[in-house]
Every structure is written in C-alpha cells, then in structure tokens.
Amino acid sequence: MVEVMREPMTISELSLRLHRNRSSITKDVGLLERLGLIVSQRQANPGHGIQKLVRSVAPKIEMVATLG
C-alpha cells in the first residue's frame, strides 16, 4: 500500500486507484493495521455516512529477508 505512504486515503479512493474491490482493500487494511504498518480512523462523509481514512505510520518502510 505504497499509496498511503504519500497521503492518507479512504478505502474507496484506494479501491479506485488500485483497481481492486473494496472488500479486498478492507481485508488488506485490516492485516496491515494488525501488523502496525498503517492506522485508520473513521470520519464523517457528509451526506454519505462514515468513511475510513487510512494513513501510514512511517514515511518509509523497509523489508529485509534473510535466507538460509
């Protein structure tokens, strides 16, 4: 989810930008939140109920793999 590294986005915005369905994005967001890589907060979406805004907890994330 490099997209939220640049700027906070809603689930709907991520779905459109990544060309994936909302259900898949919601599952990914849940997993990344449990891992502590992103956070989300609910906010009012005037006239449309509530939306979830997703943002990164760090400006950069590095992954290292050790084989063998």
N, C-alpha and C. Protein backbone atom coordinates (compact mmCIF):
# COMPACT_ATOMS: atom_id res chain seq x y z
N MET A 1 0.82 -1.18 0.00
CA MET A 1 0.00 0.00 0.00
C MET A 1 0.87 1.25 0.00
N VAL A 2 1.68 1.31 -0.98
CA VAL A 2 2.55 2.47 -1.15
C VAL A 2 1.71 3.74 -1.29
N GLU A 3 0.49 3.59 -1.78
CA GLU A 3 -0.38 4.74 -1.99
C GLU A 3 -0.55 5.58 -0.73
N VAL A 4 -0.74 4.96 0.43
CA VAL A 4 -0.98 5.72 1.66
C VAL A 4 0.32 6.25 2.27
N MET A 5 1.44 5.88 1.71
CA MET A 5 2.71 6.45 2.16
C MET A 5 2.79 7.91 1.71
N ARG A 6 2.17 8.22 0.58
CA ARG A 6 2.21 9.58 0.03
C ARG A 6 1.21 10.50 0.72
N GLU A 7 -0.02 9.99 0.91
CA GLU A 7 -1.09 10.80 1.51
C GLU A 7 -2.17 9.88 2.05
N PRO A 8 -2.85 10.29 3.12
CA PRO A 8 -3.96 9.48 3.64
C PRO A 8 -5.05 9.34 2.58
N MET A 9 -5.67 8.16 2.53
CA MET A 9 -6.72 7.90 1.55
C MET A 9 -7.84 7.09 2.19
N THR A 10 -9.01 7.19 1.62
CA THR A 10 -10.13 6.38 2.08
C THR A 10 -10.08 5.02 1.39
N ILE A 11 -10.86 4.08 1.93
CA ILE A 11 -10.95 2.76 1.32
C ILE A 11 -11.44 2.89 -0.14
N SER A 12 -12.42 3.75 -0.36
CA SER A 12 -12.95 3.96 -1.72
C SER A 12 -11.89 4.51 -2.66
N GLU A 13 -11.12 5.47 -2.19
CA GLU A 13 -10.05 6.04 -3.03
C GLU A 13 -9.00 4.98 -3.36
N LEU A 14 -8.63 4.17 -2.36
CA LEU A 14 -7.66 3.10 -2.61
C LEU A 14 -8.21 2.09 -3.62
N SER A 15 -9.48 1.75 -3.48
CA SER A 15 -10.12 0.81 -4.39
C SER A 15 -10.06 1.31 -5.83
N LEU A 16 -10.37 2.57 -6.03
CA LEU A 16 -10.33 3.15 -7.38
C LEU A 16 -8.90 3.22 -7.92
N ARG A 17 -7.99 3.70 -7.10
CA ARG A 17 -6.61 3.88 -7.56
C ARG A 17 -5.91 2.56 -7.85
N LEU A 18 -6.21 1.53 -7.05
CA LEU A 18 -5.54 0.24 -7.21
C LEU A 18 -6.32 -0.74 -8.09
N HIS A 19 -7.49 -0.32 -8.56
CA HIS A 19 -8.34 -1.16 -9.41
C HIS A 19 -8.64 -2.51 -8.75
N ARG A 20 -9.02 -2.45 -7.47
CA ARG A 20 -9.38 -3.65 -6.69
C ARG A 20 -10.70 -3.38 -6.00
N ASN A 21 -11.42 -4.45 -5.64
CA ASN A 21 -12.71 -4.23 -4.99
C ASN A 21 -12.51 -3.82 -3.53
N ARG A 22 -13.54 -3.14 -3.00
CA ARG A 22 -13.46 -2.60 -1.64
C ARG A 22 -13.24 -3.69 -0.59
N SER A 23 -13.82 -4.85 -0.81
CA SER A 23 -13.68 -5.95 0.14
C SER A 23 -12.22 -6.37 0.29
N SER A 24 -11.52 -6.48 -0.82
CA SER A 24 -10.10 -6.85 -0.77
C SER A 24 -9.27 -5.78 -0.09
N ILE A 25 -9.54 -4.53 -0.40
CA ILE A 25 -8.82 -3.42 0.22
C ILE A 25 -9.06 -3.42 1.73
N THR A 26 -10.31 -3.63 2.14
CA THR A 26 -10.66 -3.66 3.57
C THR A 26 -9.90 -4.76 4.29
N LYS A 27 -9.80 -5.94 3.69
CA LYS A 27 -9.05 -7.05 4.29
C LYS A 27 -7.57 -6.71 4.40
N ASP A 28 -7.01 -6.13 3.34
CA ASP A 28 -5.59 -5.74 3.36
C ASP A 28 -5.32 -4.70 4.44
N VAL A 29 -6.21 -3.71 4.55
CA VAL A 29 -6.06 -2.66 5.55
C VAL A 29 -6.09 -3.28 6.95
N GLY A 30 -7.01 -4.20 7.19
CA GLY A 30 -7.09 -4.86 8.49
C GLY A 30 -5.80 -5.58 8.85
N LEU A 31 -5.24 -6.32 7.88
CA LEU A 31 -3.98 -7.04 8.12
C LEU A 31 -2.84 -6.07 8.39
N LEU A 32 -2.71 -5.03 7.57
CA LEU A 32 -1.62 -4.06 7.75
C LEU A 32 -1.76 -3.29 9.05
N GLU A 33 -2.99 -3.07 9.50
CA GLU A 33 -3.20 -2.43 10.81
C GLU A 33 -2.74 -3.35 11.93
N ARG A 34 -3.10 -4.63 11.85
CA ARG A 34 -2.67 -5.58 12.89
C ARG A 34 -1.15 -5.69 12.95
N LEU A 35 -0.48 -5.52 11.82
CA LEU A 35 0.98 -5.57 11.78
C LEU A 35 1.62 -4.25 12.21
N GLY A 36 0.79 -3.21 12.40
CA GLY A 36 1.29 -1.92 12.86
C GLY A 36 1.90 -1.06 11.78
N LEU A 37 1.62 -1.37 10.50
CA LEU A 37 2.20 -0.61 9.40
C LEU A 37 1.36 0.59 8.99
N ILE A 38 0.06 0.51 9.22
CA ILE A 38 -0.84 1.62 8.91
C ILE A 38 -1.84 1.78 10.05
N VAL A 39 -2.51 2.91 10.07
CA VAL A 39 -3.60 3.15 11.02
C VAL A 39 -4.77 3.72 10.22
N SER A 40 -5.96 3.52 10.75
CA SER A 40 -7.13 4.09 10.10
C SER A 40 -8.02 4.73 11.15
N GLN A 41 -8.83 5.64 10.69
CA GLN A 41 -9.78 6.30 11.58
C GLN A 41 -11.06 6.53 10.80
N ARG A 42 -12.16 6.45 11.50
CA ARG A 42 -13.46 6.70 10.88
C ARG A 42 -13.73 8.20 10.92
N GLN A 43 -14.30 8.70 9.83
CA GLN A 43 -14.64 10.11 9.78
C GLN A 43 -15.95 10.27 9.03
N ALA A 44 -16.65 11.35 9.32
CA ALA A 44 -17.93 11.62 8.67
C ALA A 44 -17.71 11.91 7.19
N ASN A 45 -18.59 11.37 6.38
CA ASN A 45 -18.60 11.66 4.95
C ASN A 45 -19.94 12.32 4.68
N PRO A 46 -20.01 13.66 4.74
CA PRO A 46 -21.27 14.38 4.68
C PRO A 46 -22.22 13.87 3.59
N GLY A 47 -23.41 13.49 4.04
CA GLY A 47 -24.43 13.01 3.12
C GLY A 47 -24.29 11.54 2.74
N HIS A 48 -23.20 10.89 3.20
CA HIS A 48 -22.95 9.51 2.80
C HIS A 48 -22.54 8.62 3.96
N GLY A 49 -22.73 9.05 5.19
CA GLY A 49 -22.40 8.22 6.35
C GLY A 49 -20.98 8.39 6.83
N ILE A 50 -20.33 7.26 7.07
CA ILE A 50 -18.97 7.24 7.64
C ILE A 50 -18.01 6.61 6.64
N GLN A 51 -16.78 7.11 6.59
CA GLN A 51 -15.75 6.51 5.76
C GLN A 51 -14.50 6.28 6.60
N LYS A 52 -13.65 5.37 6.16
CA LYS A 52 -12.42 5.05 6.88
C LYS A 52 -11.26 5.69 6.14
N LEU A 53 -10.48 6.51 6.85
CA LEU A 53 -9.30 7.16 6.29
C LEU A 53 -8.08 6.39 6.75
N VAL A 54 -7.24 5.99 5.80
CA VAL A 54 -6.08 5.14 6.07
C VAL A 54 -4.81 5.95 5.85
N ARG A 55 -3.87 5.83 6.80
CA ARG A 55 -2.58 6.51 6.63
C ARG A 55 -1.45 5.63 7.15
N SER A 56 -0.27 5.90 6.67
CA SER A 56 0.92 5.17 7.08
C SER A 56 1.40 5.67 8.43
N VAL A 57 2.05 4.81 9.19
CA VAL A 57 2.60 5.23 10.48
C VAL A 57 4.04 5.72 10.33
N ALA A 58 4.65 5.47 9.17
CA ALA A 58 6.05 5.86 8.97
C ALA A 58 6.20 6.40 7.54
N PRO A 59 7.14 7.31 7.33
CA PRO A 59 7.34 7.84 5.99
C PRO A 59 8.00 6.83 5.04
N LYS A 60 8.60 5.78 5.61
CA LYS A 60 9.31 4.78 4.82
C LYS A 60 9.26 3.44 5.55
N ILE A 61 9.03 2.37 4.81
CA ILE A 61 9.05 1.03 5.40
C ILE A 61 10.01 0.18 4.58
N GLU A 62 10.93 -0.47 5.27
CA GLU A 62 11.88 -1.34 4.60
C GLU A 62 11.66 -2.77 5.06
N MET A 63 11.71 -3.71 4.12
CA MET A 63 11.58 -5.11 4.45
C MET A 63 12.90 -5.81 4.11
N VAL A 64 13.35 -6.66 5.03
CA VAL A 64 14.60 -7.38 4.83
C VAL A 64 14.31 -8.86 4.98
N ALA A 65 14.82 -9.65 4.05
CA ALA A 65 14.64 -11.10 4.11
C ALA A 65 16.01 -11.74 4.27
N THR A 66 16.10 -12.70 5.19
CA THR A 66 17.33 -13.45 5.39
C THR A 66 17.06 -14.90 4.99
N LEU A 67 17.78 -15.38 4.03
CA LEU A 67 17.59 -16.73 3.52
C LEU A 67 18.71 -17.64 4.02
N GLY A 68 18.34 -18.88 4.26
CA GLY A 68 19.36 -19.87 4.57
C GLY A 68 19.62 -20.06 5.98
